[in-house]
């Protein structure tokens, strides 16, 4: 859990650092742009005021600068004549080289540009300045006179200083914020994962021998509570599965012990009384018990494969009526039983032929075991799908037992089915096979007076 906590904390710190870096970049760029806009507006307004207030040469000569040492004011013409400057260190030729004074785009509004002007005397020296350039219209000037301009410029050193100061402050504040986010993420993650750690310890304390225990549910209906509910559901399923496995093993051991005891008893009798031993009869009896054990083991293996989720090949197109007829001809029929297959009609189905064969073999064997004189087989189709019916004229199955007969090792008539060789697994295997084919099997009353087992399968 510490690894998850660390990864979440590191992720939070990295994301926060990246977000703060991006935010700082936009903040500094926005701050610099805003300060430069203020300078541009200031120098542009001053240049405009001078350009509109100077009307003739006399007014121009009388122009006086103001005491703002951070702002440079220069009036000149394109012939290189300097009429006014509040900084005696400015050279007109430098201005003429640096600025686009001949550009007509600023005929109405001052043109604001970057400038690099040497102002080494009164105004602060700086290579980076924002300059506003505007034309001055002199009423007493002739057409051939040089054009006059006013330049107002201010250094951007203060902007750079402000941005640098802000950046330095952010370099101190942002690491502190990142550290606080990391601490908060570490604390919150630990608090959020504490119920998970509690669930882990509770599950770790649950042993395979006591699956009846459950983890505590907070009832908060959040994700942790949903996890606890899911885990309790899983524990319930494991408990049920384990109980069924134990019961299956117990029932299998009990069922296998009966034929083994019969074999041992017959062999012991022959060994104790060799003079009266009938070895052929004993061999026949032992062989019958072995066959019974083999059938039981085969059924248990099929059920075990079904429990493991082994899928059958249910995509092959088969003649359902042929499978039923083949099972009717293969399963040994008692001499006193009459078999009627007149209701078997041609029907196709998709499924596993081996599995379906075992299903029909088991149903027919079960019908022979319980019938008095007659067994009827039927195959057909309707709107709900295809169906197979196996009817007998035996005692039938009581309504309250019609689900129990499909459970494993269940016998409704213990003595009779045991004597007849039943194991209580055949019908359970039938239901598993039908369900794997997307169908079902159930029992109802038969028109013959006994039980009718109905198999329902989907259409191909």
Protein backbone atom coordinates (compact mmCIF):
# COMPACT_ATOMS: atom_id res chain seq x y z
CA UNK A 1 0.00 0.00 0.00
CA UNK A 2 2.97 2.31 0.65
CA UNK A 3 3.93 2.02 -2.99
CA UNK A 4 0.49 3.20 -4.10
CA UNK A 5 0.65 6.04 -1.59
CA UNK A 6 4.08 7.09 -2.87
CA UNK A 7 3.03 6.95 -6.52
CA UNK A 8 -0.05 9.08 -5.86
CA UNK A 9 2.00 11.60 -3.88
CA UNK A 10 4.72 11.82 -6.54
CA UNK A 11 2.11 12.20 -9.25
CA UNK A 12 0.38 15.00 -7.32
CA UNK A 13 3.70 16.82 -6.77
CA UNK A 14 4.76 16.50 -10.42
CA UNK A 15 1.38 17.61 -11.74
CA UNK A 16 1.32 20.53 -9.32
CA UNK A 17 4.84 21.59 -10.28
CA UNK A 18 4.03 21.47 -13.99
CA UNK A 19 0.76 23.36 -13.49
CA UNK A 20 2.47 26.04 -11.39
CA UNK A 21 5.28 26.39 -13.94
CA UNK A 22 2.78 26.88 -16.75
CA UNK A 23 0.77 29.33 -14.63
CA UNK A 24 3.94 31.26 -13.73
CA UNK A 25 4.95 31.51 -17.38
CA UNK A 26 1.59 32.96 -18.37
CA UNK A 27 1.57 35.23 -15.30
CA UNK A 28 4.99 36.71 -16.04
CA UNK A 29 4.20 37.13 -19.71
CA UNK A 30 0.90 38.81 -18.85
CA UNK A 31 2.56 41.08 -16.27
CA UNK A 32 5.28 42.16 -18.71
CA UNK A 33 2.73 42.77 -21.45
CA UNK A 34 0.54 44.82 -19.11
CA UNK A 35 3.43 46.99 -17.94
CA UNK A 36 4.63 47.54 -21.50
CA UNK A 37 1.11 48.52 -22.49
CA UNK A 38 1.10 51.13 -19.74
CA UNK A 39 4.40 52.57 -21.00
CA UNK A 40 3.13 52.53 -24.59
CA UNK A 41 -0.03 54.39 -23.60
CA UNK A 42 1.96 56.97 -21.60
CA UNK A 43 4.56 57.79 -24.31
CA UNK A 44 1.91 57.74 -27.02
CA UNK A 45 -0.29 60.23 -25.13
CA UNK A 46 2.67 62.54 -24.49
CA UNK A 47 3.81 62.40 -28.10
CA UNK A 48 0.28 63.18 -29.27
CA UNK A 49 -0.07 66.11 -26.85
CA UNK A 50 3.20 67.66 -28.07
CA UNK A 51 2.36 67.13 -31.73
CA UNK A 52 -0.98 68.89 -31.47
CA UNK A 53 0.18 71.74 -29.20
CA UNK A 54 3.14 72.81 -31.37
CA UNK A 55 1.76 75.03 -34.16
CA UNK A 56 4.73 76.95 -35.55
CA UNK A 57 8.47 77.38 -35.28
CA UNK A 58 8.14 79.92 -32.51
CA UNK A 59 6.08 77.56 -30.38
CA UNK A 60 8.53 74.79 -31.15
CA UNK A 61 11.49 76.86 -29.99
CA UNK A 62 9.67 77.75 -26.79
CA UNK A 63 8.91 74.08 -25.95
CA UNK A 64 10.04 73.13 -22.46
CA UNK A 65 10.47 69.61 -21.17
CA UNK A 66 9.14 68.35 -17.84
CA UNK A 67 11.07 67.00 -14.94
CA UNK A 68 10.40 63.27 -15.66
CA UNK A 69 13.95 61.97 -15.97
CA UNK A 70 12.69 58.52 -16.96
CA UNK A 71 11.06 59.88 -20.13
CA UNK A 72 13.01 61.15 -23.14
CA UNK A 73 11.46 63.95 -25.24
CA UNK A 74 13.00 64.96 -28.58
CA UNK A 75 11.73 67.20 -31.42
CA UNK A 76 13.69 67.01 -34.68
CA UNK A 77 13.33 67.06 -38.42
CA UNK A 78 14.44 64.59 -41.03
CA UNK A 79 17.28 66.91 -42.07
CA UNK A 80 18.98 66.23 -38.75
CA UNK A 81 18.07 69.47 -36.96
CA UNK A 82 17.43 69.13 -33.21
CA UNK A 83 14.78 71.62 -32.01
CA UNK A 84 14.30 70.34 -28.49
CA UNK A 85 15.54 67.52 -26.22
CA UNK A 86 15.31 67.03 -22.46
CA UNK A 87 18.50 64.97 -22.67
CA UNK A 88 21.54 66.73 -24.12
CA UNK A 89 23.26 63.43 -24.79
CA UNK A 90 20.83 62.43 -27.56
CA UNK A 91 22.01 62.62 -31.16
CA UNK A 92 19.51 63.14 -33.96
CA UNK A 93 21.47 60.96 -36.35
CA UNK A 94 21.12 58.03 -33.99
CA UNK A 95 17.38 58.58 -33.85
CA UNK A 96 17.17 58.79 -37.62
CA UNK A 97 19.00 55.48 -37.88
CA UNK A 98 16.93 53.69 -35.24
CA UNK A 99 13.38 54.85 -35.94
CA UNK A 100 11.11 54.55 -39.01
CA UNK A 101 10.36 58.27 -39.03
CA UNK A 102 9.40 58.21 -42.71
CA UNK A 103 6.64 55.62 -42.22
CA UNK A 104 3.24 57.01 -43.16
CA UNK A 105 1.31 54.59 -40.90
CA UNK A 106 1.48 57.00 -37.97
CA UNK A 107 0.12 59.97 -39.89
CA UNK A 108 -2.84 60.16 -37.45
CA UNK A 109 -1.73 58.23 -34.35
CA UNK A 110 1.76 58.03 -32.81
CA UNK A 111 3.77 55.01 -33.86
CA UNK A 112 5.07 53.01 -30.84
CA UNK A 113 8.18 50.91 -31.51
CA UNK A 114 11.15 49.37 -29.72
CA UNK A 115 14.17 51.66 -29.69
CA UNK A 116 17.80 51.53 -28.68
CA UNK A 117 18.95 55.10 -28.00
CA UNK A 118 22.04 56.18 -26.08
CA UNK A 119 20.84 58.50 -23.27
CA UNK A 120 23.96 58.81 -21.20
CA UNK A 121 23.33 62.22 -19.60
CA UNK A 122 20.08 63.24 -17.88
CA UNK A 123 17.70 60.28 -18.50
CA UNK A 124 18.72 56.78 -17.31
CA UNK A 125 20.87 54.97 -19.83
CA UNK A 126 19.20 51.92 -21.33
CA UNK A 127 19.37 50.07 -24.62
CA UNK A 128 15.75 48.90 -24.30
CA UNK A 129 13.14 51.62 -24.67
CA UNK A 130 9.59 52.00 -25.92
CA UNK A 131 9.36 55.06 -28.19
CA UNK A 132 6.34 56.90 -29.57
CA UNK A 133 6.96 58.85 -32.79
CA UNK A 134 4.49 61.44 -34.12
CA UNK A 135 4.66 64.09 -36.88
CA UNK A 136 4.51 67.78 -36.00
CA UNK A 137 2.67 70.02 -38.46
CA UNK A 138 4.15 73.57 -38.50
CA UNK A 139 1.86 76.17 -40.02
CA UNK A 140 4.75 78.46 -41.07
CA UNK A 141 6.71 75.69 -42.78
CA UNK A 142 6.88 75.56 -46.56
CA UNK A 143 6.43 72.55 -48.76
CA UNK A 144 10.18 72.27 -49.24
CA UNK A 145 10.99 72.48 -45.52
CA UNK A 146 12.11 69.30 -43.73
CA UNK A 147 9.41 67.28 -41.94
CA UNK A 148 9.35 67.64 -38.16
CA UNK A 149 8.76 64.81 -35.64
CA UNK A 150 8.37 64.43 -31.91
CA UNK A 151 9.83 61.42 -30.08
CA UNK A 152 8.81 60.38 -26.55
CA UNK A 153 10.59 57.31 -25.18
CA UNK A 154 10.81 55.54 -21.84
CA UNK A 155 13.21 52.82 -20.72
CA UNK A 156 11.79 49.35 -19.97
CA UNK A 157 14.27 48.70 -17.17
CA UNK A 158 11.54 49.16 -14.56
CA UNK A 159 9.41 46.55 -16.34
CA UNK A 160 12.28 44.08 -16.36
CA UNK A 161 12.94 44.79 -12.68
CA UNK A 162 9.30 44.25 -11.74
CA UNK A 163 9.08 41.01 -13.73
CA UNK A 164 12.36 39.78 -12.23
CA UNK A 165 11.18 40.58 -8.70
CA UNK A 166 7.90 38.78 -9.30
CA UNK A 167 9.73 35.79 -10.76
CA UNK A 168 12.02 35.60 -7.72
CA UNK A 169 9.03 35.68 -5.40
CA UNK A 170 7.36 32.90 -7.36
CA UNK A 171 10.55 30.83 -7.17
CA UNK A 172 10.19 30.97 -3.40
CA UNK A 173 6.41 30.54 -3.17
CA UNK A 174 5.92 27.76 -5.74
CA UNK A 175 8.26 25.19 -4.09
CA UNK A 176 6.48 25.83 -0.80
CA UNK A 177 3.09 25.27 -2.48
CA UNK A 178 4.38 22.12 -4.18
CA UNK A 179 5.67 20.78 -0.87
CA UNK A 180 2.34 21.54 0.82
CA UNK A 181 0.48 19.72 -1.97
CA UNK A 182 2.80 16.73 -1.55
CA UNK A 183 2.25 16.64 2.21
CA UNK A 184 -1.51 16.99 1.75
CA UNK A 185 -1.58 14.27 -0.92
CA UNK A 186 0.44 11.94 1.34
CA UNK A 187 -1.89 12.55 4.27
CA UNK A 188 -5.13 12.28 2.26
CA UNK A 189 -3.94 9.16 0.42
CA UNK A 190 -3.01 7.50 3.69
CA UNK A 191 -6.38 8.38 5.15
CA UNK A 192 -8.22 7.15 2.03
CA UNK A 193 -6.27 3.88 1.93
CA UNK A 194 -6.64 3.18 5.65
CA UNK A 195 -9.97 1.33 5.16
CA UNK A 196 -8.35 -0.69 2.34
CA UNK A 197 -5.55 -1.71 4.70
CA UNK A 198 -8.17 -2.67 7.29
CA UNK A 199 -9.95 -4.81 4.68
CA UNK A 200 -6.62 -6.40 3.73
CA UNK A 201 -5.91 -7.36 7.34
CA UNK A 202 -9.41 -8.76 7.83
CA UNK A 203 -9.19 -10.83 4.65
CA UNK A 204 -5.71 -12.02 5.64
CA UNK A 205 -7.13 -13.26 8.94
CA UNK A 206 -9.79 -15.33 7.17
CA UNK A 207 -8.48 -18.87 6.75
CA UNK A 208 -9.60 -21.48 4.29
CA UNK A 209 -11.02 -23.48 7.17
CA UNK A 210 -13.40 -20.72 8.25
CA UNK A 211 -14.95 -19.02 5.24
CA UNK A 212 -18.02 -18.02 7.25
CA UNK A 213 -16.32 -14.81 8.41
CA UNK A 214 -16.96 -11.55 6.58
CA UNK A 215 -15.18 -8.21 6.37
CA UNK A 216 -16.79 -5.20 8.01
CA UNK A 217 -18.88 -2.85 5.86
CA UNK A 218 -18.91 0.84 6.70
CA UNK A 219 -22.31 1.52 5.15
CA UNK A 220 -21.02 4.77 3.63
CA UNK A 221 -21.91 3.59 0.11
CA UNK A 222 -18.62 4.82 -1.27
CA UNK A 223 -16.07 2.88 -3.32
CA UNK A 224 -14.47 1.31 -0.21
CA UNK A 225 -17.85 0.16 1.07
CA UNK A 226 -18.65 -1.22 -2.41
CA UNK A 227 -15.34 -3.12 -2.30
CA UNK A 228 -16.25 -4.59 1.10
CA UNK A 229 -19.68 -5.65 -0.20
CA UNK A 230 -18.07 -7.25 -3.26
CA UNK A 231 -15.51 -9.07 -1.13
CA UNK A 232 -18.24 -10.38 1.18
CA UNK A 233 -20.13 -11.61 -1.86
CA UNK A 234 -16.98 -13.33 -3.10
CA UNK A 235 -16.42 -14.90 0.33
CA UNK A 236 -20.01 -16.12 0.30
CA UNK A 237 -19.51 -17.73 -3.09
CA UNK A 238 -16.24 -19.30 -1.95
CA UNK A 239 -17.93 -20.63 1.16
CA UNK A 240 -20.74 -22.13 -0.89
CA UNK A 241 -18.32 -23.59 -3.43
CA UNK A 242 -16.15 -25.08 -0.69
CA UNK A 243 -19.19 -26.53 1.04
CA UNK A 244 -20.36 -28.09 -2.22
CA UNK A 245 -16.92 -29.52 -2.89
CA UNK A 246 -16.73 -31.02 0.58
CA UNK A 247 -20.21 -32.43 0.23
CA UNK A 248 -19.32 -33.77 -3.21
CA UNK A 249 -16.21 -35.49 -1.87
CA UNK A 250 -18.14 -36.89 1.07
CA UNK A 251 -20.96 -38.16 -1.14
CA UNK A 252 -18.52 -39.59 -3.68
CA UNK A 253 -16.61 -41.42 -0.95
CA UNK A 254 -19.87 -42.79 0.47
CA UNK A 255 -21.11 -43.91 -2.96
CA UNK A 256 -17.82 -45.54 -3.93
CA UNK A 257 -17.54 -47.33 -0.60
CA UNK A 258 -20.75 -49.28 -1.23
CA UNK A 259 -19.60 -51.16 -4.37
CA UNK A 260 -16.13 -51.60 -2.86
CA UNK A 261 -17.66 -53.12 0.26
CA UNK A 262 -19.79 -55.44 -1.89
CA UNK A 263 -16.72 -56.57 -3.86
CA UNK A 264 -14.71 -57.10 -0.67
CA UNK A 265 -17.56 -59.06 0.93
CA UNK A 266 -17.92 -61.43 -2.03
CA UNK A 267 -14.20 -62.01 -2.26
CA UNK A 268 -13.98 -62.63 1.50
CA UNK A 269 -16.81 -65.19 1.31
CA UNK A 270 -15.05 -67.09 -1.49
CA UNK A 271 -11.77 -66.98 0.43
CA UNK A 272 -13.40 -68.18 3.66
CA UNK A 273 -15.41 -70.97 2.03
CA UNK A 274 -13.38 -72.13 -0.97
CA UNK A 275 -15.24 -75.44 -1.09
CA UNK A 276 -18.55 -73.80 -1.91
CA UNK A 277 -17.20 -70.76 -3.77
CA UNK A 278 -18.82 -70.02 -7.13
CA UNK A 279 -16.03 -68.12 -8.85
CA UNK A 280 -17.87 -67.39 -12.15
CA UNK A 281 -20.80 -65.94 -10.23
CA UNK A 282 -18.45 -63.89 -8.07
CA UNK A 283 -16.62 -62.60 -11.15
CA UNK A 284 -19.91 -61.58 -12.71
CA UNK A 285 -21.03 -59.76 -9.56
CA UNK A 286 -17.67 -58.06 -9.16
CA UNK A 287 -17.71 -57.00 -12.78
CA UNK A 288 -21.14 -55.45 -12.27
CA UNK A 289 -19.92 -53.46 -9.28
CA UNK A 290 -16.83 -52.37 -11.24
CA UNK A 291 -19.03 -51.19 -14.10
CA UNK A 292 -21.15 -49.26 -11.63
CA UNK A 293 -18.04 -47.61 -10.15
CA UNK A 294 -16.73 -46.81 -13.62
CA UNK A 295 -19.99 -45.11 -14.60
CA UNK A 296 -20.00 -43.16 -11.35
CA UNK A 297 -16.38 -42.01 -11.83
CA UNK A 298 -17.09 -41.00 -15.44
CA UNK A 299 -20.06 -38.93 -14.27
CA UNK A 300 -17.99 -37.27 -11.54
CA UNK A 301 -15.27 -36.41 -14.06
CA UNK A 302 -17.82 -34.84 -16.38
CA UNK A 303 -19.27 -32.79 -13.53
CA UNK A 304 -15.77 -31.73 -12.44
CA UNK A 305 -14.98 -30.54 -15.96
CA UNK A 306 -18.23 -28.61 -16.00
CA UNK A 307 -17.37 -26.99 -12.65
CA UNK A 308 -13.98 -25.95 -14.06
CA UNK A 309 -15.75 -24.08 -16.84
CA UNK A 310 -14.50 -26.17 -19.74
CA UNK A 311 -16.53 -25.07 -22.73
CA UNK A 312 -18.15 -27.54 -25.09
CA UNK A 313 -18.12 -27.26 -28.85
CA UNK A 314 -21.76 -26.23 -29.21
CA UNK A 315 -21.50 -24.90 -32.78
CA UNK A 316 -21.76 -28.12 -34.78
CA UNK A 317 -25.05 -28.64 -36.63
CA UNK A 318 -26.52 -31.99 -35.55
CA UNK A 319 -29.60 -34.10 -36.30
CA UNK A 320 -31.26 -34.17 -32.91
CA UNK A 321 -33.60 -36.99 -33.83
CA UNK A 322 -30.68 -39.18 -34.90
CA UNK A 323 -28.93 -38.62 -31.57
CA UNK A 324 -32.08 -39.63 -29.66
CA UNK A 325 -32.62 -42.72 -31.84
CA UNK A 326 -28.97 -43.72 -31.38
CA UNK A 327 -29.27 -43.43 -27.60
CA UNK A 328 -32.49 -45.46 -27.65
CA UNK A 329 -30.72 -48.22 -29.55
CA UNK A 330 -27.57 -48.11 -27.40
CA UNK A 331 -28.98 -48.07 -23.85
CA UNK A 332 -29.85 -51.64 -22.70
CA UNK A 333 -33.65 -51.95 -22.47
CA UNK A 334 -35.22 -54.20 -19.86
CA UNK A 335 -37.29 -56.99 -21.37
CA UNK A 336 -40.50 -55.92 -19.65
CA UNK A 337 -40.33 -52.33 -20.97
CA UNK A 338 -42.01 -51.26 -24.19
CA UNK A 339 -40.24 -48.36 -26.00
CA UNK A 340 -42.20 -46.01 -28.30
CA UNK A 341 -40.25 -43.60 -30.56
CA UNK A 342 -43.09 -42.73 -32.91
CA UNK A 343 -43.05 -39.06 -31.78
CA UNK A 344 -39.40 -38.54 -32.75
CA UNK A 345 -39.43 -36.02 -35.63
CA UNK A 346 -36.51 -34.71 -37.73
CA UNK A 347 -35.05 -31.64 -35.97
CA UNK A 348 -31.66 -29.96 -36.22
CA UNK A 349 -29.75 -28.37 -33.35
CA UNK A 350 -26.29 -26.94 -32.73
CA UNK A 351 -24.29 -28.61 -30.01
CA UNK A 352 -21.68 -31.08 -28.84
CA UNK A 353 -22.70 -34.53 -30.02
CA UNK A 354 -20.80 -36.36 -27.26
CA UNK A 355 -22.31 -34.27 -24.48
CA UNK A 356 -25.84 -34.48 -25.90
CA UNK A 357 -25.43 -38.24 -26.28
CA UNK A 358 -24.58 -38.55 -22.57
CA UNK A 359 -27.62 -36.39 -21.73
CA UNK A 360 -30.04 -38.61 -23.67
CA UNK A 361 -28.38 -41.83 -22.46
CA UNK A 362 -28.84 -40.73 -18.85
CA UNK A 363 -32.49 -39.69 -19.35
CA UNK A 364 -33.38 -42.95 -21.08
CA UNK A 365 -31.52 -45.02 -18.45
CA UNK A 366 -33.35 -43.13 -15.71
CA UNK A 367 -36.69 -43.77 -17.44
CA UNK A 368 -35.96 -47.52 -17.76
CA UNK A 369 -35.05 -47.61 -14.07
CA UNK A 370 -38.38 -46.17 -12.94
CA UNK A 371 -40.83 -47.33 -15.63
CA UNK A 372 -43.23 -50.17 -15.03
CA UNK A 373 -44.04 -51.18 -18.61
CA UNK A 374 -43.58 -48.30 -21.05
CA UNK A 375 -41.21 -45.48 -22.06
CA UNK A 376 -42.01 -42.91 -24.80
CA UNK A 377 -39.50 -40.64 -26.56
CA UNK A 378 -40.41 -37.46 -28.42
CA UNK A 379 -38.47 -34.87 -30.48
CA UNK A 380 -39.92 -31.72 -32.02
CA UNK A 381 -39.75 -27.96 -32.40
CA UNK A 382 -41.95 -24.97 -31.65
CA UNK A 383 -41.67 -21.19 -31.39
CA UNK A 384 -39.64 -21.47 -28.17
CA UNK A 385 -37.01 -23.78 -29.68
CA UNK A 386 -36.48 -27.52 -29.99
CA UNK A 387 -37.51 -30.05 -27.37
CA UNK A 388 -36.94 -33.66 -26.35
CA UNK A 389 -39.28 -35.54 -23.99
CA UNK A 390 -38.70 -38.80 -22.13
CA UNK A 391 -41.87 -40.22 -20.52
CA UNK A 392 -42.30 -43.22 -18.26
CA UNK A 393 -45.29 -44.84 -16.52
CA UNK A 394 -43.55 -45.15 -13.16
CA UNK A 395 -44.30 -43.52 -9.84
CA UNK A 396 -43.47 -40.01 -11.08
CA UNK A 397 -41.79 -37.19 -9.16
CA UNK A 398 -43.62 -35.19 -6.53
CA UNK A 399 -43.88 -31.48 -7.30
CA UNK A 400 -41.80 -30.44 -4.27
CA UNK A 401 -38.97 -32.78 -5.37
CA UNK A 402 -38.73 -31.70 -9.01
CA UNK A 403 -35.74 -29.44 -8.43
CA UNK A 404 -34.03 -31.71 -5.93
CA UNK A 405 -33.77 -34.58 -8.43
CA UNK A 406 -31.21 -32.56 -10.43
CA UNK A 407 -28.89 -32.11 -7.46
CA UNK A 408 -25.85 -34.34 -7.10
CA UNK A 409 -26.16 -37.65 -5.21
CA UNK A 410 -29.86 -37.07 -4.56
CA UNK A 411 -32.08 -40.13 -4.41
CA UNK A 412 -35.80 -39.87 -3.83
CA UNK A 413 -36.16 -43.63 -3.44
CA UNK A 414 -32.91 -44.65 -1.73
CA UNK A 415 -33.29 -48.43 -1.63
CA UNK A 416 -34.81 -48.86 -5.09
CA UNK A 417 -32.32 -46.68 -6.98
CA UNK A 418 -29.34 -48.16 -5.20
CA UNK A 419 -30.45 -51.68 -5.99
CA UNK A 420 -30.98 -50.61 -9.58
CA UNK A 421 -27.47 -49.20 -9.74
CA UNK A 422 -28.23 -45.47 -9.66
CA UNK A 423 -25.61 -43.05 -8.33
CA UNK A 424 -27.59 -39.82 -8.14
CA UNK A 425 -25.30 -38.07 -10.66
CA UNK A 426 -27.00 -38.74 -14.00
CA UNK A 427 -29.69 -36.05 -13.77
CA UNK A 428 -27.22 -33.49 -12.37
CA UNK A 429 -25.00 -34.12 -15.39
CA UNK A 430 -28.04 -33.74 -17.69
CA UNK A 431 -28.81 -30.28 -16.32
CA UNK A 432 -25.17 -29.16 -16.63
CA UNK A 433 -25.02 -30.27 -20.28
CA UNK A 434 -28.33 -28.57 -21.12
CA UNK A 435 -27.23 -25.32 -19.48
CA UNK A 436 -23.92 -25.34 -21.39
CA UNK A 437 -25.99 -25.51 -24.60
CA UNK A 438 -28.07 -22.51 -23.54
CA UNK A 439 -31.04 -24.71 -22.71
CA UNK A 440 -32.73 -26.34 -19.73
CA UNK A 441 -34.11 -29.62 -18.46
CA UNK A 442 -37.03 -30.05 -16.08
CA UNK A 443 -39.60 -32.65 -15.03
CA UNK A 444 -43.41 -32.54 -15.19
CA UNK A 445 -46.23 -35.03 -14.97
CA UNK A 446 -46.32 -37.50 -17.84
CA UNK A 447 -49.45 -38.47 -19.81
CA UNK A 448 -48.39 -42.06 -19.08
CA UNK A 449 -48.90 -41.47 -15.37
CA UNK A 450 -45.25 -41.20 -14.34
CA UNK A 451 -42.60 -38.52 -14.97
CA UNK A 452 -41.87 -36.60 -18.15
CA UNK A 453 -38.36 -35.16 -18.45
CA UNK A 454 -38.27 -32.25 -20.93
CA UNK A 455 -35.10 -30.92 -22.56
CA UNK A 456 -35.32 -27.44 -24.12
CA UNK A 457 -32.60 -26.25 -26.52
CA UNK A 458 -32.36 -23.10 -28.69
CA UNK A 459 -32.98 -23.26 -32.41
CA UNK A 460 -29.87 -23.53 -34.63
